N, C-alpha and C. Protein backbone atom coordinates (compact mmCIF):
# COMPACT_ATOMS: atom_id res chain seq x y z
N UNK A 1 -16.60 11.82 -17.74
CA UNK A 1 -15.27 12.31 -17.40
C UNK A 1 -15.11 12.44 -15.89
N UNK A 2 -16.19 12.88 -15.22
CA UNK A 2 -16.09 13.07 -13.78
C UNK A 2 -15.96 11.74 -13.04
N UNK A 3 -16.64 10.69 -13.53
CA UNK A 3 -16.56 9.39 -12.87
C UNK A 3 -15.15 8.81 -12.95
N UNK A 4 -14.45 9.05 -14.06
CA UNK A 4 -13.08 8.57 -14.17
C UNK A 4 -12.17 9.34 -13.21
N UNK A 5 -12.41 10.62 -13.06
CA UNK A 5 -11.61 11.42 -12.13
C UNK A 5 -11.83 10.96 -10.70
N UNK A 6 -13.05 10.55 -10.38
CA UNK A 6 -13.34 10.06 -9.02
C UNK A 6 -12.58 8.79 -8.70
N UNK A 7 -12.33 7.96 -9.70
CA UNK A 7 -11.51 6.76 -9.48
C UNK A 7 -10.09 7.16 -9.07
N UNK A 8 -9.55 8.13 -9.77
CA UNK A 8 -8.21 8.61 -9.47
C UNK A 8 -8.16 9.30 -8.10
N UNK A 9 -9.16 10.09 -7.81
CA UNK A 9 -9.23 10.77 -6.52
C UNK A 9 -9.34 9.77 -5.37
N UNK A 10 -10.15 8.74 -5.54
CA UNK A 10 -10.30 7.72 -4.50
C UNK A 10 -8.99 6.98 -4.27
N UNK A 11 -8.28 6.67 -5.34
CA UNK A 11 -6.98 6.01 -5.20
C UNK A 11 -6.01 6.91 -4.43
N UNK A 12 -6.05 8.20 -4.71
CA UNK A 12 -5.18 9.14 -3.99
C UNK A 12 -5.55 9.21 -2.51
N UNK A 13 -6.85 9.27 -2.22
CA UNK A 13 -7.29 9.33 -0.82
C UNK A 13 -6.88 8.07 -0.06
N UNK A 14 -6.95 6.91 -0.69
CA UNK A 14 -6.49 5.68 -0.06
C UNK A 14 -4.99 5.73 0.21
N UNK A 15 -4.23 6.23 -0.75
CA UNK A 15 -2.78 6.34 -0.57
C UNK A 15 -2.44 7.33 0.55
N UNK A 16 -3.19 8.42 0.62
CA UNK A 16 -2.96 9.40 1.70
C UNK A 16 -3.30 8.81 3.07
N UNK A 17 -4.42 8.12 3.15
CA UNK A 17 -4.83 7.49 4.41
C UNK A 17 -3.81 6.44 4.85
N UNK A 18 -3.33 5.65 3.92
CA UNK A 18 -2.32 4.64 4.23
C UNK A 18 -1.01 5.27 4.67
N UNK A 19 -0.60 6.31 3.99
CA UNK A 19 0.63 7.01 4.35
C UNK A 19 0.50 7.64 5.73
N UNK A 20 -0.62 8.29 5.99
CA UNK A 20 -0.84 8.89 7.31
C UNK A 20 -0.86 7.82 8.40
N UNK A 21 -1.48 6.69 8.13
CA UNK A 21 -1.51 5.60 9.10
C UNK A 21 -0.12 5.06 9.39
N UNK A 22 0.68 4.87 8.35
CA UNK A 22 2.04 4.37 8.54
C UNK A 22 2.88 5.37 9.33
N UNK A 23 2.74 6.65 9.02
CA UNK A 23 3.48 7.67 9.77
C UNK A 23 3.01 7.75 11.22
N UNK A 24 1.72 7.60 11.45
CA UNK A 24 1.20 7.62 12.82
C UNK A 24 1.76 6.45 13.63
N UNK A 25 1.74 5.27 13.03
CA UNK A 25 2.25 4.09 13.73
C UNK A 25 3.74 4.24 14.03
N UNK A 26 4.50 4.76 13.09
CA UNK A 26 5.94 4.88 13.28
C UNK A 26 6.35 6.05 14.13
N UNK A 27 5.76 7.21 13.91
CA UNK A 27 6.22 8.43 14.57
C UNK A 27 5.49 8.75 15.87
N UNK A 28 4.21 8.43 15.97
CA UNK A 28 3.45 8.74 17.17
C UNK A 28 3.46 7.56 18.14
N UNK A 29 3.19 6.36 17.59
CA UNK A 29 3.18 5.18 18.45
C UNK A 29 4.58 4.63 18.68
N UNK A 30 5.56 5.16 17.95
CA UNK A 30 6.97 4.79 18.07
C UNK A 30 7.23 3.30 17.85
N UNK A 31 6.51 2.71 16.91
CA UNK A 31 6.72 1.31 16.56
C UNK A 31 7.67 1.24 15.36
N UNK A 32 8.74 0.52 15.54
CA UNK A 32 9.72 0.37 14.47
C UNK A 32 9.21 -0.61 13.43
N UNK A 33 9.18 -0.21 12.16
CA UNK A 33 8.70 -1.13 11.11
C UNK A 33 9.73 -2.21 10.79
N UNK A 34 9.23 -3.37 10.39
CA UNK A 34 10.12 -4.44 9.95
C UNK A 34 10.58 -4.16 8.52
N UNK A 35 11.43 -5.02 8.01
CA UNK A 35 11.97 -4.83 6.66
C UNK A 35 10.86 -4.81 5.60
N UNK A 36 9.93 -5.75 5.68
CA UNK A 36 8.85 -5.78 4.69
C UNK A 36 7.94 -4.56 4.81
N UNK A 37 7.74 -4.07 6.02
CA UNK A 37 6.96 -2.84 6.20
C UNK A 37 7.67 -1.66 5.54
N UNK A 38 8.99 -1.61 5.64
CA UNK A 38 9.74 -0.55 4.97
C UNK A 38 9.54 -0.61 3.46
N UNK A 39 9.60 -1.83 2.91
CA UNK A 39 9.40 -1.98 1.47
C UNK A 39 8.01 -1.52 1.05
N UNK A 40 7.01 -1.83 1.88
CA UNK A 40 5.65 -1.38 1.58
C UNK A 40 5.55 0.14 1.65
N UNK A 41 6.25 0.74 2.60
CA UNK A 41 6.27 2.20 2.69
C UNK A 41 6.94 2.81 1.46
N UNK A 42 8.01 2.16 0.99
CA UNK A 42 8.71 2.65 -0.19
C UNK A 42 7.77 2.66 -1.40
N UNK A 43 6.84 1.72 -1.45
CA UNK A 43 5.87 1.70 -2.55
C UNK A 43 4.71 2.67 -2.31
N UNK A 44 4.28 2.84 -1.05
CA UNK A 44 3.08 3.63 -0.78
C UNK A 44 3.35 5.14 -0.74
N UNK A 45 4.42 5.57 -0.12
CA UNK A 45 4.64 7.01 0.05
C UNK A 45 4.70 7.77 -1.28
N UNK A 46 5.40 7.26 -2.30
CA UNK A 46 5.37 7.99 -3.58
C UNK A 46 3.98 7.99 -4.23
N UNK A 47 3.18 6.96 -3.96
CA UNK A 47 1.82 6.93 -4.51
C UNK A 47 1.00 8.12 -4.04
N UNK A 48 1.19 8.51 -2.78
CA UNK A 48 0.45 9.67 -2.26
C UNK A 48 0.79 10.94 -3.04
N UNK A 49 2.04 11.08 -3.42
CA UNK A 49 2.46 12.27 -4.18
C UNK A 49 2.04 12.16 -5.64
N UNK A 50 2.36 11.04 -6.27
CA UNK A 50 2.05 10.87 -7.70
C UNK A 50 0.55 10.96 -7.95
N UNK A 51 -0.25 10.26 -7.13
CA UNK A 51 -1.69 10.26 -7.35
C UNK A 51 -2.31 11.60 -6.98
N UNK A 52 -1.71 12.32 -6.04
CA UNK A 52 -2.19 13.66 -5.72
C UNK A 52 -2.03 14.61 -6.89
N UNK A 53 -0.87 14.58 -7.50
CA UNK A 53 -0.63 15.43 -8.67
C UNK A 53 -1.50 14.99 -9.84
N UNK A 54 -1.62 13.68 -10.03
CA UNK A 54 -2.42 13.17 -11.16
C UNK A 54 -3.90 13.50 -10.98
N UNK A 55 -4.41 13.38 -9.77
CA UNK A 55 -5.84 13.67 -9.57
C UNK A 55 -6.11 15.17 -9.65
N UNK A 56 -5.16 16.00 -9.24
CA UNK A 56 -5.33 17.44 -9.32
C UNK A 56 -5.47 17.88 -10.78
N UNK A 57 -4.65 17.28 -11.63
CA UNK A 57 -4.66 17.69 -13.04
C UNK A 57 -5.40 16.69 -13.94
N UNK A 58 -5.98 15.65 -13.33
CA UNK A 58 -6.65 14.59 -14.08
C UNK A 58 -5.74 14.07 -15.20
N UNK A 59 -4.53 13.74 -14.80
CA UNK A 59 -3.48 13.33 -15.73
C UNK A 59 -3.39 11.80 -15.79
N UNK A 60 -3.63 11.26 -16.94
CA UNK A 60 -3.59 9.80 -17.13
C UNK A 60 -2.19 9.24 -16.90
N UNK A 61 -1.17 10.00 -17.26
CA UNK A 61 0.21 9.53 -17.10
C UNK A 61 0.56 9.25 -15.63
N UNK A 62 -0.02 10.01 -14.72
CA UNK A 62 0.22 9.76 -13.29
C UNK A 62 -0.26 8.39 -12.89
N UNK A 63 -1.40 7.97 -13.42
CA UNK A 63 -1.92 6.63 -13.13
C UNK A 63 -1.02 5.56 -13.76
N UNK A 64 -0.49 5.86 -14.93
CA UNK A 64 0.42 4.91 -15.59
C UNK A 64 1.68 4.73 -14.74
N UNK A 65 2.18 5.80 -14.17
CA UNK A 65 3.37 5.72 -13.32
C UNK A 65 3.07 5.07 -11.98
N UNK A 66 1.87 5.27 -11.47
CA UNK A 66 1.51 4.77 -10.14
C UNK A 66 1.18 3.28 -10.13
N UNK A 67 0.64 2.77 -11.21
CA UNK A 67 0.20 1.38 -11.22
C UNK A 67 1.32 0.38 -10.91
N UNK A 68 2.53 0.50 -11.49
CA UNK A 68 3.59 -0.45 -11.11
C UNK A 68 3.95 -0.39 -9.62
N UNK A 69 3.92 0.79 -9.03
CA UNK A 69 4.18 0.90 -7.60
C UNK A 69 3.09 0.20 -6.79
N UNK A 70 1.85 0.39 -7.19
CA UNK A 70 0.74 -0.26 -6.49
C UNK A 70 0.81 -1.78 -6.62
N UNK A 71 1.17 -2.26 -7.79
CA UNK A 71 1.29 -3.71 -7.99
C UNK A 71 2.47 -4.29 -7.20
N UNK A 72 3.58 -3.56 -7.16
CA UNK A 72 4.72 -4.01 -6.36
C UNK A 72 4.35 -4.05 -4.88
N UNK A 73 3.64 -3.04 -4.42
CA UNK A 73 3.18 -3.02 -3.03
C UNK A 73 2.23 -4.16 -2.73
N UNK A 74 1.38 -4.51 -3.71
CA UNK A 74 0.45 -5.63 -3.55
C UNK A 74 1.22 -6.93 -3.36
N UNK A 75 2.26 -7.13 -4.16
CA UNK A 75 3.07 -8.35 -4.04
C UNK A 75 3.78 -8.42 -2.70
N UNK A 76 4.38 -7.32 -2.29
CA UNK A 76 5.11 -7.30 -1.02
C UNK A 76 4.17 -7.50 0.16
N UNK A 77 3.06 -6.78 0.17
CA UNK A 77 2.12 -6.91 1.28
C UNK A 77 1.42 -8.27 1.26
N UNK A 78 1.21 -8.84 0.08
CA UNK A 78 0.65 -10.19 -0.01
C UNK A 78 1.60 -11.21 0.59
N UNK A 79 2.87 -11.10 0.26
CA UNK A 79 3.89 -11.98 0.85
C UNK A 79 3.93 -11.79 2.37
N UNK A 80 3.90 -10.55 2.82
CA UNK A 80 3.95 -10.26 4.25
C UNK A 80 2.72 -10.82 4.96
N UNK A 81 1.55 -10.72 4.34
CA UNK A 81 0.33 -11.26 4.91
C UNK A 81 0.41 -12.77 5.05
N UNK A 82 0.92 -13.45 4.02
CA UNK A 82 1.08 -14.90 4.10
C UNK A 82 2.09 -15.30 5.16
N UNK A 83 3.11 -14.49 5.32
CA UNK A 83 4.13 -14.75 6.34
C UNK A 83 3.56 -14.61 7.75
N UNK A 84 2.79 -13.55 7.98
CA UNK A 84 2.18 -13.33 9.29
C UNK A 84 1.14 -14.41 9.59
N UNK A 85 0.41 -14.86 8.56
CA UNK A 85 -0.61 -15.89 8.74
C UNK A 85 0.00 -17.27 8.99
N UNK A 86 1.30 -17.40 8.74
CA UNK A 86 1.97 -18.68 8.95
C UNK A 86 1.89 -19.63 7.77
N UNK A 87 1.51 -19.14 6.60
CA UNK A 87 1.39 -19.97 5.42
C UNK A 87 2.69 -20.07 4.63
N UNK A 88 3.68 -19.28 5.03
CA UNK A 88 5.01 -19.32 4.42
C UNK A 88 5.98 -19.76 5.51
N UNK A 89 6.90 -20.67 5.19
CA UNK A 89 7.85 -21.12 6.22
C UNK A 89 8.69 -19.96 6.78
N UNK A 90 8.97 -20.04 8.06
CA UNK A 90 9.73 -18.99 8.73
C UNK A 90 11.15 -18.86 8.15
N UNK A 91 11.63 -19.89 7.47
CA UNK A 91 12.96 -19.84 6.86
C UNK A 91 13.00 -18.85 5.70
N UNK A 92 11.84 -18.47 5.16
CA UNK A 92 11.78 -17.56 4.03
C UNK A 92 11.63 -16.11 4.46
N UNK A 93 11.88 -15.82 5.70
CA UNK A 93 11.74 -14.46 6.22
C UNK A 93 12.93 -13.62 5.75
N UNK A 94 12.70 -12.50 5.07
CA UNK A 94 13.80 -11.67 4.59
C UNK A 94 14.39 -10.77 5.67
N UNK A 95 13.78 -10.74 6.84
CA UNK A 95 14.24 -9.84 7.90
C UNK A 95 15.48 -10.41 8.59
N UNK A 96 16.43 -9.55 8.81
CA UNK A 96 17.62 -9.94 9.55
C UNK A 96 17.48 -9.52 10.98
N UNK A 97 18.44 -8.77 11.45
CA UNK A 97 18.38 -8.25 12.82
C UNK A 97 17.31 -7.16 12.89
N UNK A 98 16.71 -7.04 14.04
CA UNK A 98 15.70 -6.01 14.23
C UNK A 98 14.33 -6.61 14.40
N UNK A 99 13.33 -5.85 14.02
CA UNK A 99 11.93 -6.25 14.20
C UNK A 99 11.61 -7.43 13.29
N UNK A 100 10.92 -8.43 13.82
CA UNK A 100 10.55 -9.62 13.05
C UNK A 100 9.41 -9.31 12.09
N UNK A 101 9.52 -9.83 10.88
CA UNK A 101 8.46 -9.65 9.88
C UNK A 101 7.31 -10.62 10.13
N UNK A 102 7.59 -11.75 10.77
CA UNK A 102 6.57 -12.78 10.95
C UNK A 102 5.77 -12.61 12.23
N UNK A 103 6.35 -12.03 13.25
CA UNK A 103 5.68 -11.90 14.54
C UNK A 103 5.20 -10.48 14.75
N UNK A 104 4.16 -10.12 14.03
CA UNK A 104 3.58 -8.78 14.15
C UNK A 104 2.74 -8.71 15.43
N UNK A 105 2.95 -7.70 16.21
CA UNK A 105 2.20 -7.55 17.46
C UNK A 105 1.13 -6.47 17.37
N UNK A 106 1.06 -5.76 16.27
CA UNK A 106 0.11 -4.67 16.15
C UNK A 106 -1.10 -5.13 15.35
N UNK A 107 -2.25 -5.13 16.00
CA UNK A 107 -3.48 -5.42 15.30
C UNK A 107 -4.51 -4.35 15.63
N UNK A 108 -5.43 -4.18 14.71
CA UNK A 108 -6.47 -3.15 14.83
C UNK A 108 -7.82 -3.85 14.72
N UNK A 109 -8.82 -3.34 15.38
CA UNK A 109 -10.18 -3.88 15.31
C UNK A 109 -10.22 -5.37 15.68
N UNK A 110 -9.62 -5.68 16.80
CA UNK A 110 -9.66 -7.05 17.34
C UNK A 110 -9.11 -8.12 16.41
N UNK A 111 -7.89 -7.96 15.98
CA UNK A 111 -7.21 -9.01 15.23
C UNK A 111 -6.86 -8.70 13.80
N UNK A 112 -7.21 -7.55 13.28
CA UNK A 112 -6.87 -7.19 11.91
C UNK A 112 -5.42 -6.70 11.88
N UNK A 113 -4.56 -7.48 11.26
CA UNK A 113 -3.13 -7.18 11.23
C UNK A 113 -2.82 -6.06 10.22
N UNK A 114 -1.78 -5.31 10.52
CA UNK A 114 -1.36 -4.20 9.65
C UNK A 114 -1.00 -4.67 8.23
N UNK A 115 -0.27 -5.80 8.04
CA UNK A 115 0.00 -6.24 6.67
C UNK A 115 -1.28 -6.54 5.87
N UNK A 116 -2.34 -6.99 6.54
CA UNK A 116 -3.60 -7.24 5.85
C UNK A 116 -4.21 -5.93 5.37
N UNK A 117 -4.15 -4.92 6.22
CA UNK A 117 -4.66 -3.60 5.82
C UNK A 117 -3.87 -3.05 4.63
N UNK A 118 -2.57 -3.24 4.68
CA UNK A 118 -1.71 -2.79 3.58
C UNK A 118 -2.07 -3.50 2.28
N UNK A 119 -2.29 -4.81 2.37
CA UNK A 119 -2.67 -5.58 1.18
C UNK A 119 -3.99 -5.06 0.60
N UNK A 120 -4.96 -4.82 1.45
CA UNK A 120 -6.26 -4.30 0.97
C UNK A 120 -6.08 -2.93 0.32
N UNK A 121 -5.28 -2.07 0.93
CA UNK A 121 -5.06 -0.73 0.37
C UNK A 121 -4.40 -0.81 -1.00
N UNK A 122 -3.33 -1.61 -1.12
CA UNK A 122 -2.65 -1.74 -2.40
C UNK A 122 -3.55 -2.38 -3.46
N UNK A 123 -4.32 -3.39 -3.07
CA UNK A 123 -5.24 -4.02 -4.02
C UNK A 123 -6.29 -3.03 -4.52
N UNK A 124 -6.89 -2.29 -3.60
CA UNK A 124 -7.91 -1.30 -3.99
C UNK A 124 -7.33 -0.23 -4.91
N UNK A 125 -6.15 0.27 -4.57
CA UNK A 125 -5.50 1.28 -5.40
C UNK A 125 -5.21 0.70 -6.79
N UNK A 126 -4.71 -0.53 -6.85
CA UNK A 126 -4.42 -1.17 -8.14
C UNK A 126 -5.68 -1.32 -8.98
N UNK A 127 -6.76 -1.78 -8.36
CA UNK A 127 -8.02 -1.96 -9.10
C UNK A 127 -8.56 -0.61 -9.58
N UNK A 128 -8.54 0.40 -8.71
CA UNK A 128 -9.01 1.73 -9.12
C UNK A 128 -8.20 2.28 -10.28
N UNK A 129 -6.88 2.12 -10.21
CA UNK A 129 -6.03 2.62 -11.29
C UNK A 129 -6.27 1.84 -12.59
N UNK A 130 -6.47 0.52 -12.49
CA UNK A 130 -6.73 -0.28 -13.69
C UNK A 130 -8.04 0.14 -14.34
N UNK A 131 -9.09 0.37 -13.54
CA UNK A 131 -10.36 0.84 -14.09
C UNK A 131 -10.20 2.23 -14.71
N UNK A 132 -9.47 3.10 -14.02
CA UNK A 132 -9.25 4.45 -14.56
C UNK A 132 -8.54 4.39 -15.90
N UNK A 133 -7.48 3.58 -15.97
CA UNK A 133 -6.72 3.49 -17.22
C UNK A 133 -7.55 2.86 -18.33
N UNK A 134 -8.39 1.90 -17.98
CA UNK A 134 -9.25 1.28 -18.99
C UNK A 134 -10.28 2.26 -19.53
N UNK A 135 -10.86 3.06 -18.63
CA UNK A 135 -11.88 4.02 -19.07
C UNK A 135 -11.29 5.20 -19.83
N UNK A 136 -10.03 5.51 -19.60
CA UNK A 136 -9.42 6.66 -20.27
C UNK A 136 -8.56 6.26 -21.47
N UNK A 137 -8.54 4.95 -21.80
CA UNK A 137 -7.72 4.54 -22.94
C UNK A 137 -8.33 5.07 -24.23
N UNK A 138 -7.48 5.30 -25.19
CA UNK A 138 -7.94 5.91 -26.45
C UNK A 138 -8.09 4.91 -27.53
């Protein structure tokens, strides 16, 4: 029982770290997010709350509610990663006026782009939630 709870707790910690990172980049570094970054935030921020409540009470339903958000975030961040890498034509950019989704200037650890970090976070959260739900199924 404790190992399943640790999966949920780890997913919550990843969501909290991602949320804190996004808030730091936006509010402290004053970098305006692009449209796709906003969509990723829309998927990640509720995960921090839902998974926090679910891990506190070890509630399986919280993981059930969180998994679609994590999968949606995975799709959006995957698309954003392909766009930044140049594997998707620039004509398919959903961004209008404002910050460009394709020309990201923020990288961490000598070239690691923010959309890549977002993709890894959403993928890890999705995998952790899938394992948790599989182990707690009746």
